[in-house]
C-alpha atoms as a PDB file:
ATOM      1  CA  UNK A   1      17.183   9.370   0.376  1.00  0.00           C
ATOM      2  CA  UNK A   2      15.784   9.195   3.707  1.00  0.00           C
ATOM      3  CA  UNK A   3      17.496  10.967   6.731  1.00  0.00           C
ATOM      4  CA  UNK A   4      19.520   8.427   8.679  1.00  0.00           C
ATOM      5  CA  UNK A   5      19.667  10.317  11.849  1.00  0.00           C
ATOM      6  CA  UNK A   6      16.289   9.464  13.194  1.00  0.00           C
ATOM      7  CA  UNK A   7      15.998   5.995  14.820  1.00  0.00           C
ATOM      8  CA  UNK A   8      13.350   3.858  13.376  1.00  0.00           C
ATOM      9  CA  UNK A   9      11.531   3.592  16.809  1.00  0.00           C
ATOM     10  CA  UNK A  10      11.657   7.432  17.277  1.00  0.00           C
ATOM     11  CA  UNK A  11       9.749   7.858  14.007  1.00  0.00           C
ATOM     12  CA  UNK A  12       6.629   6.335  15.566  1.00  0.00           C
ATOM     13  CA  UNK A  13       4.398   8.819  17.326  1.00  0.00           C
ATOM     14  CA  UNK A  14       1.490   7.396  19.445  1.00  0.00           C
ATOM     15  CA  UNK A  15      -1.466   9.791  19.612  1.00  0.00           C
ATOM     16  CA  UNK A  16      -2.588   9.661  23.447  1.00  0.00           C
ATOM     17  CA  UNK A  17      -6.140  10.170  22.329  1.00  0.00           C
ATOM     18  CA  UNK A  18      -7.877   9.137  25.542  1.00  0.00           C
ATOM     19  CA  UNK A  19     -10.218  10.614  27.787  1.00  0.00           C
ATOM     20  CA  UNK A  20      -8.296  11.465  30.793  1.00  0.00           C
ATOM     21  CA  UNK A  21      -4.745  11.469  32.460  1.00  0.00           C
ATOM     22  CA  UNK A  22      -5.092   8.241  34.193  1.00  0.00           C
ATOM     23  CA  UNK A  23      -6.081   6.204  30.902  1.00  0.00           C
ATOM     24  CA  UNK A  24      -3.146   7.862  29.545  1.00  0.00           C
ATOM     25  CA  UNK A  25      -0.539   7.081  32.038  1.00  0.00           C
ATOM     26  CA  UNK A  26      -1.913   3.585  32.154  1.00  0.00           C
ATOM     27  CA  UNK A  27      -1.168   3.111  28.386  1.00  0.00           C
ATOM     28  CA  UNK A  28       2.203   4.926  28.653  1.00  0.00           C
ATOM     29  CA  UNK A  29       3.140   2.463  31.378  1.00  0.00           C
ATOM     30  CA  UNK A  30       1.710  -0.447  29.161  1.00  0.00           C
ATOM     31  CA  UNK A  31       3.750   0.454  26.278  1.00  0.00           C
ATOM     32  CA  UNK A  32       7.125   1.068  28.331  1.00  0.00           C
ATOM     33  CA  UNK A  33      10.107   1.328  26.105  1.00  0.00           C
ATOM     34  CA  UNK A  34       8.192   0.406  23.067  1.00  0.00           C
ATOM     35  CA  UNK A  35       7.248   4.059  22.396  1.00  0.00           C
ATOM     36  CA  UNK A  36       9.451   6.987  22.563  1.00  0.00           C
ATOM     37  CA  UNK A  37       7.265   9.817  21.009  1.00  0.00           C
ATOM     38  CA  UNK A  38       3.775  10.692  22.019  1.00  0.00           C
ATOM     39  CA  UNK A  39       1.227  12.903  20.736  1.00  0.00           C
ATOM     40  CA  UNK A  40      -1.230  15.222  23.185  1.00  0.00           C
ATOM     41  CA  UNK A  41      -4.174  16.634  21.353  1.00  0.00           C
ATOM     42  CA  UNK A  42      -7.314  18.197  22.153  1.00  0.00           C
ATOM     43  CA  UNK A  43      -8.914  15.261  24.119  1.00  0.00           C
ATOM     44  CA  UNK A  44      -6.419  14.650  26.708  1.00  0.00           C
ATOM     45  CA  UNK A  45      -4.942  18.293  26.537  1.00  0.00           C
ATOM     46  CA  UNK A  46      -8.244  19.708  27.548  1.00  0.00           C
ATOM     47  CA  UNK A  47      -8.774  16.809  30.261  1.00  0.00           C
ATOM     48  CA  UNK A  48      -5.682  17.968  32.174  1.00  0.00           C
ATOM     49  CA  UNK A  49      -3.257  16.373  30.082  1.00  0.00           C
ATOM     50  CA  UNK A  50      -0.786  19.317  29.381  1.00  0.00           C
ATOM     51  CA  UNK A  51       1.136  18.931  32.465  1.00  0.00           C
ATOM     52  CA  UNK A  52       1.890  15.435  31.397  1.00  0.00           C
ATOM     53  CA  UNK A  53       4.132  17.229  28.573  1.00  0.00           C
ATOM     54  CA  UNK A  54       6.494  18.272  31.124  1.00  0.00           C
ATOM     55  CA  UNK A  55       6.525  14.772  32.914  1.00  0.00           C
ATOM     56  CA  UNK A  56       7.273  12.749  29.627  1.00  0.00           C
ATOM     57  CA  UNK A  57       9.953  15.229  28.607  1.00  0.00           C
ATOM     58  CA  UNK A  58      11.480  14.678  32.065  1.00  0.00           C
ATOM     59  CA  UNK A  59      11.443  10.995  31.799  1.00  0.00           C
ATOM     60  CA  UNK A  60      13.071  11.053  28.257  1.00  0.00           C
ATOM     61  CA  UNK A  61      10.285  10.820  26.210  1.00  0.00           C
ATOM     62  CA  UNK A  62       9.515  13.212  22.932  1.00  0.00           C
ATOM     63  CA  UNK A  63       6.312  14.867  23.134  1.00  0.00           C
ATOM     64  CA  UNK A  64       4.176  16.415  20.141  1.00  0.00           C
ATOM     65  CA  UNK A  65       1.590  19.031  21.392  1.00  0.00           C
ATOM     66  CA  UNK A  66      -1.093  18.960  18.758  1.00  0.00           C
ATOM     67  CA  UNK A  67      -3.256  22.137  19.404  1.00  0.00           C
ATOM     68  CA  UNK A  68      -3.363  23.440  15.748  1.00  0.00           C
ATOM     69  CA  UNK A  69      -3.056  27.171  16.889  1.00  0.00           C
ATOM     70  CA  UNK A  70      -4.698  29.714  14.830  1.00  0.00           C
ATOM     71  CA  UNK A  71      -5.310  33.226  15.908  1.00  0.00           C
ATOM     72  CA  UNK A  72      -3.924  36.841  15.821  1.00  0.00           C
ATOM     73  CA  UNK A  73       0.074  36.926  15.722  1.00  0.00           C
ATOM     74  CA  UNK A  74       0.124  38.019  19.421  1.00  0.00           C
ATOM     75  CA  UNK A  75      -1.973  35.323  20.842  1.00  0.00           C
ATOM     76  CA  UNK A  76      -0.390  32.534  18.691  1.00  0.00           C
ATOM     77  CA  UNK A  77       3.044  33.839  20.093  1.00  0.00           C
ATOM     78  CA  UNK A  78       2.236  33.862  23.758  1.00  0.00           C
ATOM     79  CA  UNK A  79       0.895  30.374  23.285  1.00  0.00           C
ATOM     80  CA  UNK A  80       3.897  29.144  21.529  1.00  0.00           C
ATOM     81  CA  UNK A  81       6.076  30.577  24.242  1.00  0.00           C
ATOM     82  CA  UNK A  82       4.097  28.668  27.029  1.00  0.00           C
ATOM     83  CA  UNK A  83       4.188  25.306  25.121  1.00  0.00           C
ATOM     84  CA  UNK A  84       7.995  25.592  24.667  1.00  0.00           C
ATOM     85  CA  UNK A  85       8.465  26.139  28.438  1.00  0.00           C
ATOM     86  CA  UNK A  86       6.770  22.614  28.840  1.00  0.00           C
ATOM     87  CA  UNK A  87       9.590  20.832  27.046  1.00  0.00           C
ATOM     88  CA  UNK A  88       7.511  19.816  24.031  1.00  0.00           C
ATOM     89  CA  UNK A  89       9.394  18.745  21.062  1.00  0.00           C
ATOM     90  CA  UNK A  90       6.646  19.582  18.434  1.00  0.00           C
ATOM     91  CA  UNK A  91       3.795  22.046  18.387  1.00  0.00           C
ATOM     92  CA  UNK A  92       1.240  22.210  15.561  1.00  0.00           C
ATOM     93  CA  UNK A  93       0.001  25.598  13.992  1.00  0.00           C
ATOM     94  CA  UNK A  94      -2.341  25.951  11.144  1.00  0.00           C
ATOM     95  CA  UNK A  95      -0.680  26.861   7.936  1.00  0.00           C
ATOM     96  CA  UNK A  96      -1.825  30.439   7.291  1.00  0.00           C
ATOM     97  CA  UNK A  97       1.144  32.829   6.768  1.00  0.00           C
ATOM     98  CA  UNK A  98       0.589  35.305   9.754  1.00  0.00           C
ATOM     99  CA  UNK A  99      -0.031  32.367  12.201  1.00  0.00           C
ATOM    100  CA  UNK A 100       3.325  30.580  11.016  1.00  0.00           C
ATOM    101  CA  UNK A 101       5.379  33.844  10.967  1.00  0.00           C
ATOM    102  CA  UNK A 102       4.385  34.486  14.727  1.00  0.00           C
ATOM    103  CA  UNK A 103       4.864  30.848  15.904  1.00  0.00           C
ATOM    104  CA  UNK A 104       8.402  30.678  14.170  1.00  0.00           C
ATOM    105  CA  UNK A 105       9.341  34.096  15.807  1.00  0.00           C
ATOM    106  CA  UNK A 106       8.045  33.148  19.236  1.00  0.00           C
ATOM    107  CA  UNK A 107       9.753  29.817  19.512  1.00  0.00           C
ATOM    108  CA  UNK A 108      13.249  31.355  18.839  1.00  0.00           C
ATOM    109  CA  UNK A 109      15.739  30.464  21.433  1.00  0.00           C
ATOM    110  CA  UNK A 110      13.721  27.015  22.427  1.00  0.00           C
ATOM    111  CA  UNK A 111      14.287  23.442  21.063  1.00  0.00           C
ATOM    112  CA  UNK A 112      10.339  23.606  20.263  1.00  0.00           C
ATOM    113  CA  UNK A 113       9.684  22.730  16.544  1.00  0.00           C
ATOM    114  CA  UNK A 114       6.791  24.311  14.815  1.00  0.00           C
ATOM    115  CA  UNK A 115       4.885  22.158  12.624  1.00  0.00           C
ATOM    116  CA  UNK A 116       2.327  23.612  10.100  1.00  0.00           C
ATOM    117  CA  UNK A 117      -0.984  21.779   9.308  1.00  0.00           C
ATOM    118  CA  UNK A 118      -1.603  21.890   5.265  1.00  0.00           C
ATOM    119  CA  UNK A 119      -4.934  20.194   4.932  1.00  0.00           C
ATOM    120  CA  UNK A 120      -6.605  17.754   7.564  1.00  0.00           C
ATOM    121  CA  UNK A 121      -6.225  14.217   6.623  1.00  0.00           C
ATOM    122  CA  UNK A 122     -10.281  13.868   7.038  1.00  0.00           C
ATOM    123  CA  UNK A 123     -10.805  16.327   4.377  1.00  0.00           C
ATOM    124  CA  UNK A 124     -10.843  15.586   0.545  1.00  0.00           C
ATOM    125  CA  UNK A 125     -11.666  17.840  -2.521  1.00  0.00           C
ATOM    126  CA  UNK A 126     -15.509  18.023  -1.839  1.00  0.00           C
ATOM    127  CA  UNK A 127     -14.812  19.059   1.866  1.00  0.00           C
ATOM    128  CA  UNK A 128     -12.585  21.972   0.620  1.00  0.00           C
ATOM    129  CA  UNK A 129     -14.803  23.148  -1.993  1.00  0.00           C
ATOM    130  CA  UNK A 130     -17.865  23.114   0.567  1.00  0.00           C
ATOM    131  CA  UNK A 131     -15.805  25.423   2.845  1.00  0.00           C
ATOM    132  CA  UNK A 132     -15.296  27.948   0.256  1.00  0.00           C
ATOM    133  CA  UNK A 133     -11.854  26.835  -1.064  1.00  0.00           C
ATOM    134  CA  UNK A 134     -11.326  26.644  -5.098  1.00  0.00           C
ATOM    135  CA  UNK A 135      -8.114  24.832  -4.951  1.00  0.00           C
ATOM    136  CA  UNK A 136      -7.636  21.059  -4.626  1.00  0.00           C
ATOM    137  CA  UNK A 137      -6.389  19.454  -1.821  1.00  0.00           C
ATOM    138  CA  UNK A 138      -3.015  18.655  -3.403  1.00  0.00           C
ATOM    139  CA  UNK A 139      -2.659  22.228  -4.724  1.00  0.00           C
ATOM    140  CA  UNK A 140      -3.567  23.837  -1.349  1.00  0.00           C
ATOM    141  CA  UNK A 141      -1.348  21.569   0.372  1.00  0.00           C
ATOM    142  CA  UNK A 142       1.805  22.539  -2.203  1.00  0.00           C
ATOM    143  CA  UNK A 143       0.847  26.325  -1.798  1.00  0.00           C
ATOM    144  CA  UNK A 144       1.074  26.016   2.063  1.00  0.00           C
ATOM    145  CA  UNK A 145       4.197  23.917   1.955  1.00  0.00           C
ATOM    146  CA  UNK A 146       5.843  26.464  -0.150  1.00  0.00           C
ATOM    147  CA  UNK A 147       4.964  29.279   2.099  1.00  0.00           C
ATOM    148  CA  UNK A 148       5.869  27.187   5.246  1.00  0.00           C
ATOM    149  CA  UNK A 149       9.307  26.684   3.628  1.00  0.00           C
ATOM    150  CA  UNK A 150       9.999  30.443   3.108  1.00  0.00           C
ATOM    151  CA  UNK A 151       8.783  31.278   6.861  1.00  0.00           C
ATOM    152  CA  UNK A 152      11.198  28.882   8.408  1.00  0.00           C
ATOM    153  CA  UNK A 153       8.779  26.187   9.498  1.00  0.00           C
ATOM    154  CA  UNK A 154      10.520  23.106  11.031  1.00  0.00           C
ATOM    155  CA  UNK A 155       7.915  20.634   9.577  1.00  0.00           C
ATOM    156  CA  UNK A 156       4.730  19.969   7.890  1.00  0.00           C
ATOM    157  CA  UNK A 157       1.952  17.846   8.929  1.00  0.00           C
ATOM    158  CA  UNK A 158       0.422  16.103   5.787  1.00  0.00           C
ATOM    159  CA  UNK A 159      -1.417  13.070   4.518  1.00  0.00           C
ATOM    160  CA  UNK A 160       0.952  10.507   3.392  1.00  0.00           C
ATOM    161  CA  UNK A 161      -0.524  10.740   0.012  1.00  0.00           C
ATOM    162  CA  UNK A 162       1.102  14.184  -0.360  1.00  0.00           C
ATOM    163  CA  UNK A 163       4.675  13.260   1.142  1.00  0.00           C
ATOM    164  CA  UNK A 164       6.231  12.190  -2.200  1.00  0.00           C
ATOM    165  CA  UNK A 165       5.286  15.513  -3.904  1.00  0.00           C
ATOM    166  CA  UNK A 166       6.098  17.685  -0.894  1.00  0.00           C
ATOM    167  CA  UNK A 167       9.534  16.030  -0.773  1.00  0.00           C
ATOM    168  CA  UNK A 168      10.188  17.479  -4.348  1.00  0.00           C
ATOM    169  CA  UNK A 169       8.983  20.982  -2.979  1.00  0.00           C
ATOM    170  CA  UNK A 170      10.941  21.249   0.561  1.00  0.00           C
ATOM    171  CA  UNK A 171      13.819  18.655   0.068  1.00  0.00           C
ATOM    172  CA  UNK A 172      14.949  17.323   3.480  1.00  0.00           C
ATOM    173  CA  UNK A 173      15.031  20.677   5.344  1.00  0.00           C
ATOM    174  CA  UNK A 174      11.565  20.173   6.507  1.00  0.00           C
ATOM    175  CA  UNK A 175      10.186  17.120   8.396  1.00  0.00           C
ATOM    176  CA  UNK A 176       7.065  15.620   6.963  1.00  0.00           C
ATOM    177  CA  UNK A 177       4.832  14.470   9.749  1.00  0.00           C
ATOM    178  CA  UNK A 178       1.964  12.254   8.631  1.00  0.00           C
ATOM    179  CA  UNK A 179      -1.249  11.175  10.392  1.00  0.00           C
ATOM    180  CA  UNK A 180      -3.747   8.930   8.658  1.00  0.00           C
ATOM    181  CA  UNK A 181      -1.442   5.794   9.000  1.00  0.00           C
ATOM    182  CA  UNK A 182      -3.119   2.363   9.002  1.00  0.00           C
ATOM    183  CA  UNK A 183      -1.501  -1.008   8.994  1.00  0.00           C
ATOM    184  CA  UNK A 184      -2.742  -3.392   6.434  1.00  0.00           C
ATOM    185  CA  UNK A 185      -6.165  -4.485   7.199  1.00  0.00           C
ATOM    186  CA  UNK A 186      -7.173  -1.854  10.164  1.00  0.00           C
ATOM    187  CA  UNK A 187      -9.956  -0.186   9.979  1.00  0.00           C
ATOM    188  CA  UNK A 188     -10.139   3.349   8.214  1.00  0.00           C
ATOM    189  CA  UNK A 189     -12.151   5.279  10.549  1.00  0.00           C
ATOM    190  CA  UNK A 190     -12.764   8.964   9.734  1.00  0.00           C
ATOM    191  CA  UNK A 191      -9.695   9.266   7.726  1.00  0.00           C
ATOM    192  CA  UNK A 192      -9.760   9.712   3.969  1.00  0.00           C
ATOM    193  CA  UNK A 193      -6.203  10.016   2.822  1.00  0.00           C
ATOM    194  CA  UNK A 194      -4.474   6.993   4.526  1.00  0.00           C
ATOM    195  CA  UNK A 195      -1.439   4.700   3.888  1.00  0.00           C
ATOM    196  CA  UNK A 196       0.402   2.107   5.743  1.00  0.00           C
ATOM    197  CA  UNK A 197       3.413   2.753   7.781  1.00  0.00           C
ATOM    198  CA  UNK A 198       5.854   1.348   5.203  1.00  0.00           C
ATOM    199  CA  UNK A 199       4.292   3.019   2.089  1.00  0.00           C
ATOM    200  CA  UNK A 200       4.309   6.262   4.036  1.00  0.00           C
ATOM    201  CA  UNK A 201       8.051   6.222   4.958  1.00  0.00           C
ATOM    202  CA  UNK A 202       8.869   5.013   1.221  1.00  0.00           C
ATOM    203  CA  UNK A 203       6.863   8.252  -0.003  1.00  0.00           C
ATOM    204  CA  UNK A 204       9.007  10.239   2.175  1.00  0.00           C
ATOM    205  CA  UNK A 205       7.589  10.700   5.437  1.00  0.00           C
ATOM    206  CA  UNK A 206       9.949  11.201   8.575  1.00  0.00           C
ATOM    207  CA  UNK A 207       7.687  10.603  11.433  1.00  0.00           C
ATOM    208  CA  UNK A 208       4.229   8.588  11.493  1.00  0.00           C
ATOM    209  CA  UNK A 209       1.226   9.402  13.709  1.00  0.00           C
ATOM    210  CA  UNK A 210      -0.659   6.686  14.955  1.00  0.00           C
ATOM    211  CA  UNK A 211      -3.589   6.531  17.352  1.00  0.00           C
ATOM    212  CA  UNK A 212      -6.373   4.077  17.115  1.00  0.00           C
ATOM    213  CA  UNK A 213      -4.457   0.995  15.675  1.00  0.00           C
ATOM    214  CA  UNK A 214      -2.097   1.122  18.909  1.00  0.00           C
ATOM    215  CA  UNK A 215      -4.766   2.392  21.519  1.00  0.00           C
ATOM    216  CA  UNK A 216      -7.322  -0.050  20.483  1.00  0.00           C
ATOM    217  CA  UNK A 217      -5.083  -3.025  19.711  1.00  0.00           C
ATOM    218  CA  UNK A 218      -5.678  -6.122  21.825  1.00  0.00           C
ATOM    219  CA  UNK A 219      -1.917  -5.836  22.352  1.00  0.00           C
ATOM    220  CA  UNK A 220      -0.596  -2.200  22.100  1.00  0.00           C
ATOM    221  CA  UNK A 221       3.268  -3.144  22.713  1.00  0.00           C
ATOM    222  CA  UNK A 222       2.777  -5.813  19.710  1.00  0.00           C
ATOM    223  CA  UNK A 223       1.111  -3.126  17.521  1.00  0.00           C
ATOM    224  CA  UNK A 224       3.837  -0.702  18.022  1.00  0.00           C
ATOM    225  CA  UNK A 225       6.528  -3.140  17.423  1.00  0.00           C
ATOM    226  CA  UNK A 226       4.879  -4.049  14.425  1.00  0.00           C
ATOM    227  CA  UNK A 227       4.541  -0.646  13.155  1.00  0.00           C
ATOM    228  CA  UNK A 228       8.389  -0.057  13.896  1.00  0.00           C
ATOM    229  CA  UNK A 229       9.349  -3.204  12.049  1.00  0.00           C
ATOM    230  CA  UNK A 230       7.372  -2.195   8.810  1.00  0.00           C
ATOM    231  CA  UNK A 231       9.328   1.369   9.424  1.00  0.00           C
ATOM    232  CA  UNK A 232      12.685  -0.659   9.409  1.00  0.00           C
ATOM    233  CA  UNK A 233      11.674  -2.621   6.521  1.00  0.00           C
ATOM    234  CA  UNK A 234      10.855   0.633   4.509  1.00  0.00           C
ATOM    235  CA  UNK A 235      14.291   2.199   5.607  1.00  0.00           C
ATOM    236  CA  UNK A 236      16.233  -0.824   4.725  1.00  0.00           C
END
């Protein structure tokens, strides 16, 4: 049973993977009220985009800061405190126990929610083996999800392929946020573990992160509306 307290449009997180603030502001203006939730990651964040978090929050939008923090506990904690002051809704950290523990403790008293990144959606079993892991993607994702739940993490970033199995592990106490979303017929790009919006929601995802299918569409508003319509249909 999917949570009913999240509006379908609020489940779509549009990734502002753009080269500068001007391009991002133009896209936000173009999308208008069709998008309520945005993601700011490395590309825009390192191009002067982090102050946009406060501006978007003040305008009533939700913001997912995707910096995937991973460092010694004190450094992670100080970074989390800084992001919390910007008014962000979500912040990602890598799903290593020390990192997750530091982030959860540092966000106490704020409205910021910490998301743990299990395994990047561009990785498959071969990539993990090349990096020295002996576990498969699914086994590592499940192990990290169990650790995240014990440590009080608010949500997990996973591929839509893992959503159904993770729901059985974490129930509905933890949000599942899924990148790797591609509407039917869209190019896969560098993603390896992908799914359509409707299938991802049906599998148990709470939020869908979509970048290029909206950013590169001839009509971004129509692209966003089509994804929301798929979400609504899956929830019906």
